[in-house]
Structure formats: structure tokens, C-alpha cells
Amino acid sequence: MDSELKKAIQDVCRAAEGLKLDIVLVGALMAELTPEIGSDYPRFRRTNDADFGVYLRGWPTYKKLREELIHYKFEPDSRIEHRLRRGTAMVDLIPYGPQIAPKGKLAWPKSEFEMTVVGFDEVCAAARKVPLGGGVSVPVITVPGFMLLKIIAYLERKSQGDAKYRDDAGDIEYWLRNYASGTEDERRFKLAEDQGPAHQDYASAGAVVLGMEVGELASPAAESYVNRFLKESEDLDSSFLDILTSGLLDETAEKKRAEGLALLSAFKKGFQHQRR
């Protein structure tokens, strides 16, 4: 993480603390901060965008937070209602909570654009504090929490025709393939060695572990999104697998498609086991 982005995150945390607001880092930047990921993981995509979930009861408090950040020299993005910028750093502020987003649906006051924030309550409640230096710590969501929100984002963006759903698919595939793959993480090895019903090949055992942990975390409302994602994606001709194989030669694409199906099946196995 570059110093400009780190300073931006520290200032958002200070502004929120001054207003006694609960904020959580919920976006892809979590991969650079969470202690769940060791240095031996394949590199996850880099980002200069810090996404925060902000628990709120109403829009006046959201306005106060934005005004406070403007005092910290952030500038609102004229095109994206929830975004502020400072230099090369971007900060997205996503409100959630039953009063501001009834039934997990948030309507932005200016654009009236509707955003789904289902899953934010449980994902942010499970966040872990990570020290940033300068006496500042930031709550960061877990990998299972990130996976849950990514599945929901993928479905929502896909239905809206937002091309970013393709990036969401890539993020989902990364964690299906790589979760629990660190040399000091024994969970994948244990499933591969288990001769009982939990047995799983090493290559996809991490997806089972991830499915179990997402299953443990998800609320009933979020569970419906996961089930929908699995139903839509577990097909050789699904949009999800099409994205994973885009641009590949036939033989390579066929192999990648089969691997993707195996990972989805493993994730489903862990998720359904945990939800029973």
C-alpha cells in the first residue's frame, strides 16, 4: 500500500472516531491488511480504492462524515455519490444498517440509485482490528466476509449490466483457488488427509474451507444470494465460467472450466455442510 493511501485511511478512521461512528474496511484492500493472508499467497490484485462500510441511522450523519473528510482535504467525486478523492487515493463510503437501508436496500438521496448492502451487518461485525501506525487501527473484514460481499456484488452488477461484475468473478475465483493455501495453514491439508465424508482433493480443499466459513457467517438473507450464485454458476455454459475462460485457447479453456466447476462444487459442499 502506498503512503498516500495509508494516510487517507488513517484520516478516515480519525474522522469517524471523532464522530463516534463505526467504520470497517470492506473492499479488496483487505488483502493487504488482513493477518489471514501470508506472504506465500499468490499476489492478489492491487487497488488504490479504500471501501468502507459505515453503520448509520440516517443521512444527516453521513453528511457530517463527508464534511469532516473535506476538512481533511478530501474532495467529493462529482460522478460517484459515495466517493471522495485526495491525490491518488480514493475512498468509498457505503452506509448500512436497518434504519438507513431497510431489508438491505440502500437508495442514494441524489441519484436515487439503489444498492444492495445485504451481508454488511454480519461481515462488519466479524471484522478484525489491524494497526496502521500513528496510533490508528482500522477494522478489516475477513476473507470469508469479503467472499460473501463479492458474491452479492457479482450478482447485482451482472443484473445491472455493470461490467465490473467480471472483476468480481475474478476475485471470487482467486479465493476459491487460493484460500487456506499458506504453508502455515493446516486446514487444507487436514481435509485432503481426511478419509471420511469431509475428504477433498488438496487443490479444491481450500474452497471447502471457505464455503464452511462463509456458511457460518452468512445471515439467512445473504444465504439466498449464495444459493442463487451457485445455481447460476454451476453450469458448463454459465457466465461465471465464461469469464474465467475468456481469451483462452480451446484446450486451455476446457481445463480451466473444469477446474472452475470443481472449485464451485467444493465451495458448495462446505457451504451446505455448514448451513445444515
C-alpha atoms as a PDB file:
ATOM      1  CA  MET A   1       0.000   0.000   0.000  1.00  0.00           C
ATOM      2  CA  ASP A   2       1.423   3.381  -0.918  1.00  0.00           C
ATOM      3  CA  SER A   3       1.874   6.047   1.723  1.00  0.00           C
ATOM      4  CA  GLU A   4      -0.774   8.370   0.288  1.00  0.00           C
ATOM      5  CA  LEU A   5      -3.476   5.725   0.537  1.00  0.00           C
ATOM      6  CA  LYS A   6      -2.366   4.678   4.011  1.00  0.00           C
ATOM      7  CA  LYS A   7      -2.572   8.300   5.203  1.00  0.00           C
ATOM      8  CA  ALA A   8      -6.054   8.602   3.649  1.00  0.00           C
ATOM      9  CA  ILE A   9      -7.253   5.517   5.560  1.00  0.00           C
ATOM     10  CA  GLN A  10      -5.791   6.850   8.803  1.00  0.00           C
ATOM     11  CA  ASP A  11      -7.617  10.153   8.329  1.00  0.00           C
ATOM     12  CA  VAL A  12     -10.934   8.441   7.570  1.00  0.00           C
ATOM     13  CA  CYS A  13     -10.525   6.460  10.799  1.00  0.00           C
ATOM     14  CA  ARG A  14      -9.765   9.643  12.763  1.00  0.00           C
ATOM     15  CA  ALA A  15     -12.774  11.448  11.283  1.00  0.00           C
ATOM     16  CA  ALA A  16     -15.093   8.535  12.079  1.00  0.00           C
ATOM     17  CA  GLU A  17     -13.729   8.226  15.611  1.00  0.00           C
ATOM     18  CA  GLY A  18     -14.358  11.932  16.189  1.00  0.00           C
ATOM     19  CA  LEU A  19     -17.991  11.421  15.203  1.00  0.00           C
ATOM     20  CA  LYS A  20     -18.213   8.153  17.187  1.00  0.00           C
ATOM     21  CA  LEU A  21     -19.045   6.176  14.045  1.00  0.00           C
ATOM     22  CA  ASP A  22     -18.307   2.508  13.406  1.00  0.00           C
ATOM     23  CA  ILE A  23     -16.484   2.025  10.105  1.00  0.00           C
ATOM     24  CA  VAL A  24     -14.976  -1.109   8.565  1.00  0.00           C
ATOM     25  CA  LEU A  25     -12.687  -1.580   5.573  1.00  0.00           C
ATOM     26  CA  VAL A  26     -14.709  -3.854   3.292  1.00  0.00           C
ATOM     27  CA  GLY A  27     -13.048  -3.795  -0.148  1.00  0.00           C
ATOM     28  CA  ALA A  28     -10.190  -5.538  -1.957  1.00  0.00           C
ATOM     29  CA  LEU A  29      -7.641  -3.595   0.075  1.00  0.00           C
ATOM     30  CA  MET A  30      -8.343  -6.023   2.913  1.00  0.00           C
ATOM     31  CA  ALA A  31      -5.931  -8.441   1.214  1.00  0.00           C
ATOM     32  CA  GLU A  32      -3.022  -6.127   2.034  1.00  0.00           C
ATOM     33  CA  LEU A  33      -4.000  -5.790   5.683  1.00  0.00           C
ATOM     34  CA  THR A  34      -5.655  -8.955   6.985  1.00  0.00           C
ATOM     35  CA  PRO A  35      -3.437 -11.279   9.044  1.00  0.00           C
ATOM     36  CA  GLU A  36      -5.217 -14.240   7.380  1.00  0.00           C
ATOM     37  CA  ILE A  37      -3.005 -13.959   4.298  1.00  0.00           C
ATOM     38  CA  GLY A  38       0.647 -14.956   4.453  1.00  0.00           C
ATOM     39  CA  SER A  39       3.466 -13.695   2.263  1.00  0.00           C
ATOM     40  CA  ASP A  40       3.451 -17.022   0.381  1.00  0.00           C
ATOM     41  CA  TYR A  41      -0.019 -16.407  -1.124  1.00  0.00           C
ATOM     42  CA  PRO A  42      -0.172 -15.629  -4.860  1.00  0.00           C
ATOM     43  CA  ARG A  43      -0.443 -11.878  -5.232  1.00  0.00           C
ATOM     44  CA  PHE A  44      -3.996 -10.544  -5.107  1.00  0.00           C
ATOM     45  CA  ARG A  45      -4.901  -7.576  -7.290  1.00  0.00           C
ATOM     46  CA  ARG A  46      -3.736  -4.177  -6.070  1.00  0.00           C
ATOM     47  CA  THR A  47      -6.120  -1.273  -5.596  1.00  0.00           C
ATOM     48  CA  ASN A  48      -5.942   2.402  -4.718  1.00  0.00           C
ATOM     49  CA  ASP A  49      -9.561   2.430  -3.589  1.00  0.00           C
ATOM     50  CA  ALA A  50     -10.388   2.091   0.121  1.00  0.00           C
ATOM     51  CA  ASP A  51     -14.005   0.922   0.542  1.00  0.00           C
ATOM     52  CA  PHE A  52     -15.577   1.500   3.967  1.00  0.00           C
ATOM     53  CA  GLY A  53     -18.823   0.197   5.391  1.00  0.00           C
ATOM     54  CA  VAL A  54     -20.295   2.833   7.749  1.00  0.00           C
ATOM     55  CA  TYR A  55     -23.014   1.879  10.221  1.00  0.00           C
ATOM     56  CA  LEU A  56     -25.550   4.725  10.228  1.00  0.00           C
ATOM     57  CA  ARG A  57     -29.076   5.513  11.322  1.00  0.00           C
ATOM     58  CA  GLY A  58     -29.679   8.349   8.850  1.00  0.00           C
ATOM     59  CA  TRP A  59     -28.300  10.533   6.067  1.00  0.00           C
ATOM     60  CA  PRO A  60     -27.561  13.616   8.233  1.00  0.00           C
ATOM     61  CA  THR A  61     -24.769  11.690   9.974  1.00  0.00           C
ATOM     62  CA  TYR A  62     -23.406  10.557   6.600  1.00  0.00           C
ATOM     63  CA  LYS A  63     -23.305  14.215   5.548  1.00  0.00           C
ATOM     64  CA  LYS A  64     -21.379  15.095   8.708  1.00  0.00           C
ATOM     65  CA  LEU A  65     -18.776  12.438   7.931  1.00  0.00           C
ATOM     66  CA  ARG A  66     -18.317  13.740   4.393  1.00  0.00           C
ATOM     67  CA  GLU A  67     -17.981  17.289   5.692  1.00  0.00           C
ATOM     68  CA  GLU A  68     -15.394  16.163   8.216  1.00  0.00           C
ATOM     69  CA  LEU A  69     -13.385  14.460   5.488  1.00  0.00           C
ATOM     70  CA  ILE A  70     -13.499  17.618   3.369  1.00  0.00           C
ATOM     71  CA  HIS A  71     -11.743  19.308   6.322  1.00  0.00           C
ATOM     72  CA  TYR A  72      -9.078  16.626   5.833  1.00  0.00           C
ATOM     73  CA  LYS A  73      -8.685  17.888   2.228  1.00  0.00           C
ATOM     74  CA  PHE A  74     -10.735  15.145   0.562  1.00  0.00           C
ATOM     75  CA  GLU A  75     -12.778  16.197  -2.461  1.00  0.00           C
ATOM     76  CA  PRO A  76     -16.154  14.687  -3.442  1.00  0.00           C
ATOM     77  CA  ASP A  77     -16.306  12.862  -6.762  1.00  0.00           C
ATOM     78  CA  SER A  78     -18.882  14.637  -8.922  1.00  0.00           C
ATOM     79  CA  ARG A  79     -19.833  11.400 -10.745  1.00  0.00           C
ATOM     80  CA  ILE A  80     -19.943   8.866  -7.899  1.00  0.00           C
ATOM     81  CA  GLU A  81     -22.072   9.816  -4.900  1.00  0.00           C
ATOM     82  CA  HIS A  82     -20.253   7.690  -2.341  1.00  0.00           C
ATOM     83  CA  ARG A  83     -16.679   8.503  -3.424  1.00  0.00           C
ATOM     84  CA  LEU A  84     -14.129  11.066  -2.250  1.00  0.00           C
ATOM     85  CA  ARG A  85     -10.616  11.611  -3.571  1.00  0.00           C
ATOM     86  CA  ARG A  86      -7.381  13.013  -2.233  1.00  0.00           C
ATOM     87  CA  GLY A  87      -4.447  12.884  -4.597  1.00  0.00           C
ATOM     88  CA  THR A  88      -4.251   9.359  -5.999  1.00  0.00           C
ATOM     89  CA  ALA A  89      -6.258   7.880  -3.106  1.00  0.00           C
ATOM     90  CA  MET A  90      -9.959   7.087  -3.472  1.00  0.00           C
ATOM     91  CA  VAL A  91     -12.327   6.467  -0.574  1.00  0.00           C
ATOM     92  CA  ASP A  92     -15.802   4.951  -0.931  1.00  0.00           C
ATOM     93  CA  LEU A  93     -18.232   5.306   1.983  1.00  0.00           C
ATOM     94  CA  ILE A  94     -21.063   2.742   1.949  1.00  0.00           C
ATOM     95  CA  PRO A  95     -23.740   3.235   4.644  1.00  0.00           C
ATOM     96  CA  TYR A  96     -25.528   0.212   6.070  1.00  0.00           C
ATOM     97  CA  GLY A  97     -27.869  -0.583   8.934  1.00  0.00           C
ATOM     98  CA  PRO A  98     -31.591  -1.388   9.279  1.00  0.00           C
ATOM     99  CA  GLN A  99     -32.689   2.245   9.521  1.00  0.00           C
ATOM    100  CA  ILE A 100     -30.787   3.658   6.548  1.00  0.00           C
ATOM    101  CA  ALA A 101     -31.039   0.509   4.420  1.00  0.00           C
ATOM    102  CA  PRO A 102     -34.274  -1.356   5.268  1.00  0.00           C
ATOM    103  CA  LYS A 103     -34.140  -5.010   4.186  1.00  0.00           C
ATOM    104  CA  GLY A 104     -30.594  -4.473   2.928  1.00  0.00           C
ATOM    105  CA  LYS A 105     -31.548  -1.985   0.195  1.00  0.00           C
ATOM    106  CA  LEU A 106     -29.904   1.456   0.162  1.00  0.00           C
ATOM    107  CA  ALA A 107     -31.285   4.300  -2.014  1.00  0.00           C
ATOM    108  CA  TRP A 108     -28.846   7.162  -2.618  1.00  0.00           C
ATOM    109  CA  PRO A 109     -30.531  10.535  -1.989  1.00  0.00           C
ATOM    110  CA  LYS A 110     -29.300  12.397  -5.094  1.00  0.00           C
ATOM    111  CA  SER A 111     -29.145   9.792  -7.831  1.00  0.00           C
ATOM    112  CA  GLU A 112     -31.828   7.524  -6.283  1.00  0.00           C
ATOM    113  CA  PHE A 113     -29.559   4.658  -7.331  1.00  0.00           C
ATOM    114  CA  GLU A 114     -30.336   1.525  -5.328  1.00  0.00           C
ATOM    115  CA  MET A 115     -27.521  -0.526  -3.826  1.00  0.00           C
ATOM    116  CA  THR A 116     -27.730  -3.860  -2.031  1.00  0.00           C
ATOM    117  CA  VAL A 117     -25.961  -3.941   1.340  1.00  0.00           C
ATOM    118  CA  VAL A 118     -27.201  -7.365   2.415  1.00  0.00           C
ATOM    119  CA  GLY A 119     -24.398  -9.097   4.307  1.00  0.00           C
ATOM    120  CA  PHE A 120     -22.775  -5.925   5.635  1.00  0.00           C
ATOM    121  CA  ASP A 121     -24.160  -6.388   9.156  1.00  0.00           C
ATOM    122  CA  GLU A 122     -22.644  -9.823   9.751  1.00  0.00           C
ATOM    123  CA  VAL A 123     -19.474  -9.205   7.735  1.00  0.00           C
ATOM    124  CA  CYS A 124     -18.632  -5.955   9.526  1.00  0.00           C
ATOM    125  CA  ALA A 125     -19.478  -7.450  12.943  1.00  0.00           C
ATOM    126  CA  ALA A 126     -16.799 -10.112  12.296  1.00  0.00           C
ATOM    127  CA  ALA A 127     -14.103  -7.587  11.284  1.00  0.00           C
ATOM    128  CA  ARG A 128     -10.693  -7.623  12.978  1.00  0.00           C
ATOM    129  CA  LYS A 129      -8.757  -4.538  14.014  1.00  0.00           C
ATOM    130  CA  VAL A 130      -5.448  -4.042  12.232  1.00  0.00           C
ATOM    131  CA  PRO A 131      -2.881  -1.440  13.393  1.00  0.00           C
ATOM    132  CA  LEU A 132      -1.945   1.154  10.772  1.00  0.00           C
ATOM    133  CA  GLY A 133       0.605   3.116  12.749  1.00  0.00           C
ATOM    134  CA  GLY A 134       0.291   6.606  14.165  1.00  0.00           C
ATOM    135  CA  GLY A 135      -1.918   5.289  16.932  1.00  0.00           C
ATOM    136  CA  VAL A 136      -4.626   4.324  14.422  1.00  0.00           C
ATOM    137  CA  SER A 137      -6.232   0.904  13.920  1.00  0.00           C
ATOM    138  CA  VAL A 138      -8.774   0.020  11.241  1.00  0.00           C
ATOM    139  CA  PRO A 139     -11.338  -2.790  11.430  1.00  0.00           C
ATOM    140  CA  VAL A 140     -10.869  -5.041   8.378  1.00  0.00           C
ATOM    141  CA  ILE A 141     -13.276  -7.714   7.142  1.00  0.00           C
ATOM    142  CA  THR A 142     -12.191 -11.336   6.924  1.00  0.00           C
ATOM    143  CA  VAL A 143     -11.640 -13.237   3.682  1.00  0.00           C
ATOM    144  CA  PRO A 144     -14.955 -15.157   4.125  1.00  0.00           C
ATOM    145  CA  GLY A 145     -16.648 -11.794   4.658  1.00  0.00           C
ATOM    146  CA  PHE A 146     -15.070 -10.408   1.503  1.00  0.00           C
ATOM    147  CA  MET A 147     -16.165 -13.515  -0.414  1.00  0.00           C
ATOM    148  CA  LEU A 148     -19.759 -13.134   0.765  1.00  0.00           C
ATOM    149  CA  LEU A 149     -19.924  -9.475  -0.278  1.00  0.00           C
ATOM    150  CA  LYS A 150     -18.248 -10.274  -3.619  1.00  0.00           C
ATOM    151  CA  ILE A 151     -20.835 -12.921  -4.451  1.00  0.00           C
ATOM    152  CA  ILE A 152     -23.624 -10.422  -3.779  1.00  0.00           C
ATOM    153  CA  ALA A 153     -21.831  -7.674  -5.746  1.00  0.00           C
ATOM    154  CA  TYR A 154     -21.278 -10.050  -8.672  1.00  0.00           C
ATOM    155  CA  LEU A 155     -24.979 -10.902  -8.878  1.00  0.00           C
ATOM    156  CA  GLU A 156     -26.104  -7.290  -8.505  1.00  0.00           C
ATOM    157  CA  ARG A 157     -23.681  -5.850 -11.065  1.00  0.00           C
ATOM    158  CA  LYS A 158     -24.400  -8.633 -13.520  1.00  0.00           C
ATOM    159  CA  SER A 159     -28.140  -7.950 -13.327  1.00  0.00           C
ATOM    160  CA  GLN A 160     -27.479  -4.210 -13.822  1.00  0.00           C
ATOM    161  CA  GLY A 161     -25.191  -4.741 -16.811  1.00  0.00           C
ATOM    162  CA  ASP A 162     -22.243  -3.226 -14.920  1.00  0.00           C
ATOM    163  CA  ALA A 163     -19.008  -4.555 -16.485  1.00  0.00           C
ATOM    164  CA  LYS A 164     -17.356  -4.637 -13.042  1.00  0.00           C
ATOM    165  CA  TYR A 165     -19.075  -7.970 -12.411  1.00  0.00           C
ATOM    166  CA  ARG A 166     -16.279  -9.502 -14.477  1.00  0.00           C
ATOM    167  CA  ASP A 167     -13.724  -8.232 -11.936  1.00  0.00           C
ATOM    168  CA  ASP A 168     -15.934  -9.627  -9.155  1.00  0.00           C
ATOM    169  CA  ALA A 169     -15.826 -13.032 -10.836  1.00  0.00           C
ATOM    170  CA  GLY A 170     -12.019 -12.894 -10.937  1.00  0.00           C
ATOM    171  CA  ASP A 171     -11.884 -12.047  -7.225  1.00  0.00           C
ATOM    172  CA  ILE A 172     -14.220 -14.929  -6.376  1.00  0.00           C
ATOM    173  CA  GLU A 173     -12.144 -17.371  -8.408  1.00  0.00           C
ATOM    174  CA  TYR A 174      -8.913 -16.199  -6.743  1.00  0.00           C
ATOM    175  CA  TRP A 175     -10.210 -17.060  -3.260  1.00  0.00           C
ATOM    176  CA  LEU A 176     -11.835 -20.325  -4.350  1.00  0.00           C
ATOM    177  CA  ARG A 177      -8.456 -21.370  -5.705  1.00  0.00           C
ATOM    178  CA  ASN A 178      -6.125 -19.960  -3.054  1.00  0.00           C
ATOM    179  CA  TYR A 179      -7.885 -19.826   0.313  1.00  0.00           C
ATOM    180  CA  ALA A 180      -6.083 -21.654   3.128  1.00  0.00           C
ATOM    181  CA  SER A 181      -3.063 -22.243   0.860  1.00  0.00           C
ATOM    182  CA  GLY A 182      -0.409 -20.735   3.136  1.00  0.00           C
ATOM    183  CA  THR A 183       2.374 -23.085   4.234  1.00  0.00           C
ATOM    184  CA  GLU A 184       1.481 -22.487   7.889  1.00  0.00           C
ATOM    185  CA  ASP A 185      -2.248 -23.088   7.345  1.00  0.00           C
ATOM    186  CA  GLU A 186      -3.114 -26.717   8.094  1.00  0.00           C
ATOM    187  CA  ARG A 187      -6.827 -26.613   7.254  1.00  0.00           C
ATOM    188  CA  ARG A 188      -6.414 -27.588   3.589  1.00  0.00           C
ATOM    189  CA  PHE A 189      -4.028 -30.434   4.468  1.00  0.00           C
ATOM    190  CA  LYS A 190      -6.431 -31.819   7.067  1.00  0.00           C
ATOM    191  CA  LEU A 191      -9.289 -32.036   4.574  1.00  0.00           C
ATOM    192  CA  ALA A 192      -7.028 -33.663   1.988  1.00  0.00           C
ATOM    193  CA  GLU A 193      -5.885 -36.277   4.515  1.00  0.00           C
ATOM    194  CA  ASP A 194      -9.359 -36.947   5.963  1.00  0.00           C
ATOM    195  CA  GLN A 195     -10.654 -40.317   4.749  1.00  0.00           C
ATOM    196  CA  GLY A 196     -14.202 -39.622   5.907  1.00  0.00           C
ATOM    197  CA  PRO A 197     -17.040 -37.611   4.282  1.00  0.00           C
ATOM    198  CA  ALA A 198     -15.075 -34.360   4.602  1.00  0.00           C
ATOM    199  CA  HIS A 199     -12.295 -35.663   2.314  1.00  0.00           C
ATOM    200  CA  GLN A 200     -11.362 -33.328  -0.525  1.00  0.00           C
ATOM    201  CA  ASP A 201      -8.515 -33.188  -3.040  1.00  0.00           C
ATOM    202  CA  TYR A 202      -5.866 -30.727  -1.938  1.00  0.00           C
ATOM    203  CA  ALA A 203      -6.399 -28.471  -4.990  1.00  0.00           C
ATOM    204  CA  SER A 204     -10.014 -27.740  -4.016  1.00  0.00           C
ATOM    205  CA  ALA A 205      -9.907 -28.304  -0.252  1.00  0.00           C
ATOM    206  CA  GLY A 206      -9.428 -24.587   0.363  1.00  0.00           C
ATOM    207  CA  ALA A 207     -12.739 -23.918  -1.389  1.00  0.00           C
ATOM    208  CA  VAL A 208     -14.459 -26.322   1.023  1.00  0.00           C
ATOM    209  CA  VAL A 209     -12.941 -24.495   3.998  1.00  0.00           C
ATOM    210  CA  LEU A 210     -14.023 -21.168   2.528  1.00  0.00           C
ATOM    211  CA  GLY A 211     -17.535 -22.465   1.911  1.00  0.00           C
ATOM    212  CA  MET A 212     -17.815 -23.612   5.511  1.00  0.00           C
ATOM    213  CA  GLU A 213     -16.651 -20.244   6.853  1.00  0.00           C
ATOM    214  CA  VAL A 214     -18.945 -18.265   4.550  1.00  0.00           C
ATOM    215  CA  GLY A 215     -21.760 -20.588   5.627  1.00  0.00           C
ATOM    216  CA  GLU A 216     -21.023 -19.910   9.277  1.00  0.00           C
ATOM    217  CA  LEU A 217     -21.022 -16.154   8.676  1.00  0.00           C
ATOM    218  CA  ALA A 218     -23.972 -15.595   6.323  1.00  0.00           C
ATOM    219  CA  SER A 219     -27.374 -14.403   7.506  1.00  0.00           C
ATOM    220  CA  PRO A 220     -30.483 -16.040   6.006  1.00  0.00           C
ATOM    221  CA  ALA A 221     -30.833 -13.069   3.629  1.00  0.00           C
ATOM    222  CA  ALA A 222     -27.234 -13.426   2.450  1.00  0.00           C
ATOM    223  CA  GLU A 223     -27.607 -17.212   2.178  1.00  0.00           C
ATOM    224  CA  SER A 224     -30.201 -16.753  -0.557  1.00  0.00           C
ATOM    225  CA  TYR A 225     -27.658 -14.841  -2.658  1.00  0.00           C
ATOM    226  CA  VAL A 226     -25.027 -17.551  -2.230  1.00  0.00           C
ATOM    227  CA  ASN A 227     -27.519 -20.238  -3.259  1.00  0.00           C
ATOM    228  CA  ARG A 228     -28.521 -18.176  -6.288  1.00  0.00           C
ATOM    229  CA  PHE A 229     -24.884 -17.678  -7.286  1.00  0.00           C
ATOM    230  CA  LEU A 230     -24.184 -21.398  -7.057  1.00  0.00           C
ATOM    231  CA  LYS A 231     -27.312 -22.314  -9.014  1.00  0.00           C
ATOM    232  CA  GLU A 232     -26.422 -19.859 -11.799  1.00  0.00           C
ATOM    233  CA  SER A 233     -22.710 -20.655 -11.915  1.00  0.00           C
ATOM    234  CA  GLU A 234     -22.622 -24.453 -11.640  1.00  0.00           C
ATOM    235  CA  ASP A 235     -23.225 -24.968 -15.346  1.00  0.00           C
ATOM    236  CA  LEU A 236     -20.612 -25.514 -18.067  1.00  0.00           C
ATOM    237  CA  ASP A 237     -22.058 -22.589 -20.024  1.00  0.00           C
ATOM    238  CA  SER A 238     -22.513 -20.191 -17.083  1.00  0.00           C
ATOM    239  CA  SER A 239     -21.492 -16.546 -17.294  1.00  0.00           C
ATOM    240  CA  PHE A 240     -19.137 -17.065 -14.358  1.00  0.00           C
ATOM    241  CA  LEU A 241     -17.174 -19.809 -16.136  1.00  0.00           C
ATOM    242  CA  ASP A 242     -17.279 -17.860 -19.399  1.00  0.00           C
ATOM    243  CA  ILE A 243     -15.470 -15.015 -17.643  1.00  0.00           C
ATOM    244  CA  LEU A 244     -12.811 -17.340 -16.207  1.00  0.00           C
ATOM    245  CA  THR A 245     -12.063 -18.803 -19.632  1.00  0.00           C
ATOM    246  CA  SER A 246     -12.323 -15.606 -21.687  1.00  0.00           C
ATOM    247  CA  GLY A 247      -9.481 -15.258 -24.195  1.00  0.00           C
ATOM    248  CA  LEU A 248      -8.074 -18.754 -23.619  1.00  0.00           C
ATOM    249  CA  LEU A 249      -7.442 -21.304 -26.349  1.00  0.00           C
ATOM    250  CA  ASP A 250      -9.947 -24.175 -26.546  1.00  0.00           C
ATOM    251  CA  GLU A 251      -7.903 -26.832 -24.748  1.00  0.00           C
ATOM    252  CA  THR A 252      -6.765 -24.454 -22.004  1.00  0.00           C
ATOM    253  CA  ALA A 253     -10.285 -23.047 -21.649  1.00  0.00           C
ATOM    254  CA  GLU A 254     -11.765 -26.524 -21.291  1.00  0.00           C
ATOM    255  CA  LYS A 255      -9.312 -27.335 -18.496  1.00  0.00           C
ATOM    256  CA  LYS A 256      -9.955 -24.017 -16.741  1.00  0.00           C
ATOM    257  CA  ARG A 257     -13.716 -24.547 -16.999  1.00  0.00           C
ATOM    258  CA  ALA A 258     -13.431 -27.987 -15.400  1.00  0.00           C
ATOM    259  CA  GLU A 259     -11.257 -26.566 -12.606  1.00  0.00           C
ATOM    260  CA  GLY A 260     -13.792 -23.790 -12.031  1.00  0.00           C
ATOM    261  CA  LEU A 261     -16.624 -26.285 -11.742  1.00  0.00           C
ATOM    262  CA  ALA A 262     -14.625 -28.374  -9.259  1.00  0.00           C
ATOM    263  CA  LEU A 263     -13.939 -25.301  -7.122  1.00  0.00           C
ATOM    264  CA  LEU A 264     -17.605 -24.268  -7.161  1.00  0.00           C
ATOM    265  CA  SER A 265     -18.651 -27.798  -6.207  1.00  0.00           C
ATOM    266  CA  ALA A 266     -16.152 -27.831  -3.328  1.00  0.00           C
ATOM    267  CA  PHE A 267     -17.329 -24.430  -2.081  1.00  0.00           C
ATOM    268  CA  LYS A 268     -20.943 -25.627  -2.253  1.00  0.00           C
ATOM    269  CA  LYS A 269     -20.035 -28.761  -0.292  1.00  0.00           C
ATOM    270  CA  GLY A 270     -18.550 -26.698   2.542  1.00  0.00           C
ATOM    271  CA  PHE A 271     -21.314 -24.086   2.488  1.00  0.00           C
ATOM    272  CA  GLN A 272     -24.181 -26.577   2.585  1.00  0.00           C
ATOM    273  CA  HIS A 273     -22.452 -28.633   5.262  1.00  0.00           C
ATOM    274  CA  GLN A 274     -22.225 -25.588   7.498  1.00  0.00           C
ATOM    275  CA  ARG A 275     -25.808 -24.465   6.840  1.00  0.00           C
ATOM    276  CA  ARG A 276     -27.333 -27.827   7.756  1.00  0.00           C
END
